[in-house]
Amino acid sequence: MSDKTVLVVEDDQHISKLVKYNLEKAGYRCLTSITAEGAFLILDQEAIDLLILDVMLPKMDGLEFCRLLRQDPRTKTIPLIMLTAKGEEVDRVVGLELGADDYMVKPFSPRELILRIKGFFRRQKPIENSKDVYRMGELTLDLTRHQVNVGTRPIELTPMEFKLLTLLIQRKGRVQSRDALLEDVWGISSDVTTRTVDTHIKVLRQKLGRVGKWIQTVRGIGYKMKDEE
């Protein structure tokens, strides 16, 4: 039995019960809420290790709930997987920009969801870490402070985006395949089909502004951080 607690915020009772069943079968403690307002009450009373959030909720929707979570120091670092029936890229990007760490489009495989959750918890171990501060031209990444700046401008990144950028900087000049990034950043094996790497790279480039172009696409393989600023 795991010591991890997962909160599922989903107003579709069938989906909520299905997710709860599979989470408990995998050994996790699972709490549920059908509204964002109810989820806030649970977060006030419970230590939540991961949150699964539906976009289409009554009253306050999942996007607004996500935005408020990321503004609160008590909840801003809780890993968050967003569920949505909207498969268009723009909807996925908006969720990631607001602070979601990953997304799944309905209908989804419960097995894949559990694999992603296990990946979140596996990646508690730090990636290779030879120093605390990395500098590339006007881009600075501080591991100790969990802070990124472009010039004097601070860049707000989710924990997943920060880890992705750290890995690319630490391995600058070396091509990282999508499968390798899934394994090293998300802790997900390559047998899971997902475009989450491409979507995260797109959002990360947008947030970095003028230095976002330093993350280069290697067609048919993956991505790399350019050698020189």
Protein backbone atom coordinates (compact mmCIF):
# COMPACT_ATOMS: atom_id res chain seq x y z
CA MET A 1 0.00 0.00 0.00
CA SER A 2 1.40 3.38 -1.01
CA ASP A 3 1.53 6.31 1.41
CA LYS A 4 0.48 8.68 -1.40
CA THR A 5 -2.92 10.38 -1.49
CA VAL A 6 -4.51 11.39 -4.80
CA LEU A 7 -7.41 13.83 -5.08
CA VAL A 8 -9.75 13.36 -8.06
CA VAL A 9 -11.88 16.38 -8.99
CA GLU A 10 -14.43 15.11 -11.53
CA ASP A 11 -18.19 15.68 -11.75
CA ASP A 12 -18.87 12.63 -13.92
CA GLN A 13 -19.64 9.96 -11.32
CA HIS A 14 -18.83 7.09 -13.69
CA ILE A 15 -15.37 8.45 -14.50
CA SER A 16 -14.72 9.38 -10.87
CA LYS A 17 -15.56 5.86 -9.67
CA LEU A 18 -13.48 4.29 -12.44
CA VAL A 19 -10.43 6.38 -11.57
CA LYS A 20 -10.88 5.80 -7.84
CA TYR A 21 -11.16 2.04 -8.36
CA ASN A 22 -7.98 1.90 -10.41
CA LEU A 23 -6.06 4.14 -8.03
CA GLU A 24 -7.00 2.05 -5.01
CA LYS A 25 -6.23 -1.14 -6.94
CA ALA A 26 -2.76 0.31 -7.59
CA GLY A 27 -2.32 0.92 -3.87
CA TYR A 28 -3.03 4.65 -3.58
CA ARG A 29 -5.39 6.39 -1.18
CA CYS A 30 -7.98 8.26 -3.22
CA LEU A 31 -10.27 11.16 -2.29
CA THR A 32 -12.89 12.59 -4.65
CA SER A 33 -14.85 15.79 -5.19
CA ILE A 34 -17.41 16.74 -7.86
CA THR A 35 -16.68 20.49 -7.58
CA ALA A 36 -13.70 22.81 -7.26
CA GLU A 37 -15.24 24.29 -4.13
CA GLY A 38 -15.38 20.86 -2.49
CA ALA A 39 -11.80 20.19 -3.54
CA PHE A 40 -10.62 23.35 -1.79
CA LEU A 41 -12.18 22.09 1.46
CA ILE A 42 -10.35 18.77 1.10
CA LEU A 43 -7.06 20.55 0.39
CA ASP A 44 -7.50 22.54 3.61
CA GLN A 45 -7.83 19.32 5.62
CA GLU A 46 -5.67 16.74 3.82
CA ALA A 47 -2.08 16.44 2.56
CA ILE A 48 -2.54 15.74 -1.15
CA ASP A 49 0.37 14.28 -3.14
CA LEU A 50 -1.18 14.52 -6.63
CA LEU A 51 -4.33 15.99 -8.12
CA ILE A 52 -6.38 14.78 -11.10
CA LEU A 53 -8.57 17.60 -12.39
CA ASP A 54 -11.38 17.68 -14.95
CA VAL A 55 -11.65 20.87 -17.01
CA MET A 56 -15.46 20.89 -17.33
CA LEU A 57 -16.69 21.35 -13.77
CA PRO A 58 -19.92 23.03 -12.56
CA LYS A 59 -19.62 26.59 -11.23
CA MET A 60 -15.82 27.10 -11.14
CA ASP A 61 -14.21 25.26 -14.05
CA GLY A 62 -10.96 23.33 -13.89
CA LEU A 63 -8.87 26.01 -15.57
CA GLU A 64 -9.80 28.64 -12.99
CA PHE A 65 -9.28 26.10 -10.19
CA CYS A 66 -5.82 25.32 -11.58
CA ARG A 67 -4.93 29.01 -11.74
CA LEU A 68 -5.92 29.55 -8.10
CA LEU A 69 -3.99 26.45 -6.99
CA ARG A 70 -0.81 27.75 -8.59
CA GLN A 71 -1.20 31.14 -6.91
CA ASP A 72 -1.34 29.60 -3.41
CA PRO A 73 2.09 28.78 -1.90
CA ARG A 74 0.52 25.80 -0.07
CA THR A 75 -0.68 24.11 -3.26
CA LYS A 76 1.47 25.52 -6.09
CA THR A 77 3.82 22.51 -6.21
CA ILE A 78 1.22 19.70 -6.07
CA PRO A 79 1.58 17.66 -9.30
CA LEU A 80 -1.56 18.09 -11.41
CA ILE A 81 -2.89 16.01 -14.29
CA MET A 82 -5.70 17.67 -16.21
CA LEU A 83 -8.51 15.64 -17.79
CA THR A 84 -10.39 17.10 -20.73
CA ALA A 85 -12.81 16.02 -23.39
CA LYS A 86 -11.36 18.72 -25.60
CA GLY A 87 -8.60 17.29 -27.75
CA GLU A 88 -7.59 20.47 -29.54
CA GLU A 89 -4.03 21.59 -28.93
CA VAL A 90 -5.09 25.07 -27.84
CA ASP A 91 -7.00 23.62 -24.85
CA ARG A 92 -4.01 21.52 -23.79
CA VAL A 93 -1.68 24.51 -24.07
CA VAL A 94 -3.95 26.74 -21.97
CA GLY A 95 -4.01 24.12 -19.20
CA LEU A 96 -0.22 23.81 -19.21
CA GLU A 97 0.22 27.59 -19.25
CA LEU A 98 -1.96 27.84 -16.15
CA GLY A 99 0.23 25.33 -14.31
CA ALA A 100 -0.96 21.81 -15.10
CA ASP A 101 1.94 19.33 -15.24
CA ASP A 102 0.34 16.95 -17.71
CA TYR A 103 -2.97 16.30 -19.45
CA MET A 104 -5.04 13.37 -20.69
CA VAL A 105 -7.80 13.59 -23.28
CA LYS A 106 -11.04 11.68 -22.67
CA PRO A 107 -11.66 8.89 -23.28
CA PHE A 108 -8.42 7.71 -21.70
CA SER A 109 -6.94 4.41 -20.61
CA PRO A 110 -7.00 3.87 -16.80
CA ARG A 111 -3.77 1.86 -17.22
CA GLU A 112 -2.05 4.83 -18.88
CA LEU A 113 -3.28 7.16 -16.14
CA ILE A 114 -1.80 4.89 -13.45
CA LEU A 115 1.49 4.70 -15.39
CA ARG A 116 1.67 8.49 -15.50
CA ILE A 117 0.90 8.78 -11.79
CA LYS A 118 3.61 6.25 -10.95
CA GLY A 119 5.94 8.29 -13.13
CA PHE A 120 5.23 11.45 -11.13
CA PHE A 121 6.12 9.72 -7.89
CA ARG A 122 9.19 7.95 -9.33
CA ARG A 123 10.75 11.17 -10.46
CA GLN A 124 11.09 12.39 -6.87
CA LYS A 125 14.77 11.50 -7.29
CA PRO A 126 16.78 14.46 -8.64
CA ILE A 127 18.18 14.40 -12.14
CA GLU A 128 21.92 14.76 -12.61
CA ASN A 129 23.10 17.73 -10.58
CA SER A 130 26.68 18.92 -10.81
CA LYS A 131 26.11 22.53 -9.79
CA ASP A 132 23.47 24.88 -8.47
CA VAL A 133 23.37 27.70 -11.03
CA TYR A 134 23.45 27.42 -14.84
CA ARG A 135 23.98 30.42 -17.12
CA MET A 136 23.57 30.67 -20.88
CA GLY A 137 23.86 34.25 -22.05
CA GLU A 138 20.92 36.07 -20.49
CA LEU A 139 19.26 32.83 -19.32
CA THR A 140 19.93 31.85 -15.68
CA LEU A 141 18.59 28.75 -13.92
CA ASP A 142 19.08 28.44 -10.15
CA LEU A 143 18.39 24.92 -8.83
CA THR A 144 18.57 25.87 -5.16
CA ARG A 145 16.03 28.68 -5.46
CA HIS A 146 14.02 26.90 -8.16
CA GLN A 147 14.19 30.10 -10.19
CA VAL A 148 14.64 30.98 -13.86
CA ASN A 149 15.42 34.44 -15.24
CA VAL A 150 15.82 35.87 -18.73
CA GLY A 151 17.89 38.94 -18.07
CA THR A 152 16.27 40.49 -15.00
CA ARG A 153 12.82 39.08 -15.80
CA PRO A 154 11.74 36.11 -13.64
CA ILE A 155 10.03 33.29 -15.56
CA GLU A 156 7.23 31.39 -13.82
CA LEU A 157 7.54 27.68 -14.62
CA THR A 158 5.63 24.66 -13.35
CA PRO A 159 7.71 21.96 -11.60
CA MET A 160 7.56 19.87 -14.78
CA GLU A 161 8.68 22.74 -17.03
CA PHE A 162 11.52 23.54 -14.63
CA LYS A 163 12.72 19.95 -14.67
CA LEU A 164 12.49 19.78 -18.47
CA LEU A 165 14.49 22.99 -18.89
CA THR A 166 17.07 21.85 -16.32
CA LEU A 167 17.65 18.59 -18.17
CA LEU A 168 17.99 20.32 -21.55
CA ILE A 169 20.50 22.82 -20.14
CA GLN A 170 22.50 20.14 -18.34
CA ARG A 171 22.68 18.16 -21.58
CA LYS A 172 23.01 21.11 -23.94
CA GLY A 173 24.22 20.23 -27.40
CA ARG A 174 23.06 16.62 -27.00
CA VAL A 175 19.89 15.51 -28.76
CA GLN A 176 17.24 14.14 -26.40
CA SER A 177 14.68 11.84 -27.99
CA ARG A 178 11.02 12.15 -27.02
CA ASP A 179 11.19 8.68 -25.44
CA ALA A 180 14.22 9.70 -23.34
CA LEU A 181 12.49 12.89 -22.18
CA LEU A 182 9.34 10.96 -21.24
CA GLU A 183 11.44 8.57 -19.15
CA ASP A 184 13.79 11.12 -17.54
CA VAL A 185 11.36 13.99 -16.92
CA TRP A 186 7.93 12.38 -16.64
CA GLY A 187 9.00 8.91 -15.53
CA ILE A 188 6.78 7.40 -18.24
CA SER A 189 7.95 4.46 -20.34
CA SER A 190 8.04 4.90 -24.10
CA ASP A 191 5.21 2.41 -24.69
CA VAL A 192 2.75 5.17 -23.70
CA THR A 193 1.57 7.19 -26.71
CA THR A 194 1.44 10.89 -25.88
CA ARG A 195 2.28 14.28 -27.34
CA THR A 196 2.92 15.80 -23.93
CA VAL A 197 6.63 16.38 -24.70
CA ASP A 198 5.85 18.47 -27.80
CA THR A 199 3.14 20.45 -26.00
CA HIS A 200 5.39 21.19 -23.00
CA ILE A 201 8.24 22.28 -25.29
CA LYS A 202 5.87 24.66 -27.10
CA VAL A 203 4.69 26.25 -23.82
CA LEU A 204 8.25 26.41 -22.44
CA ARG A 205 9.48 28.23 -25.56
CA GLN A 206 6.63 30.74 -25.24
CA LYS A 207 7.41 31.42 -21.58
CA LEU A 208 11.13 31.90 -22.27
CA GLY A 209 10.37 34.50 -24.93
CA ARG A 210 13.36 35.53 -27.02
CA VAL A 211 15.58 32.73 -25.70
CA GLY A 212 12.95 30.07 -26.35
CA LYS A 213 14.43 29.56 -29.83
CA TRP A 214 17.53 28.08 -28.14
CA ILE A 215 15.49 24.89 -27.64
CA GLN A 216 15.94 23.39 -31.07
CA THR A 217 13.82 20.73 -32.78
CA VAL A 218 15.71 17.79 -34.27
CA ARG A 219 13.26 16.53 -36.85
CA GLY A 220 12.13 12.94 -36.36
CA ILE A 221 14.08 12.53 -33.11
CA GLY A 222 13.43 15.09 -30.39
CA TYR A 223 14.98 18.28 -29.01
CA LYS A 224 18.23 19.80 -27.83
CA MET A 225 19.46 22.99 -26.19
CA LYS A 226 21.85 24.81 -28.52
CA ASP A 227 25.54 24.61 -27.64
CA GLU A 228 26.28 28.30 -27.44
CA GLU A 229 24.13 31.24 -26.42
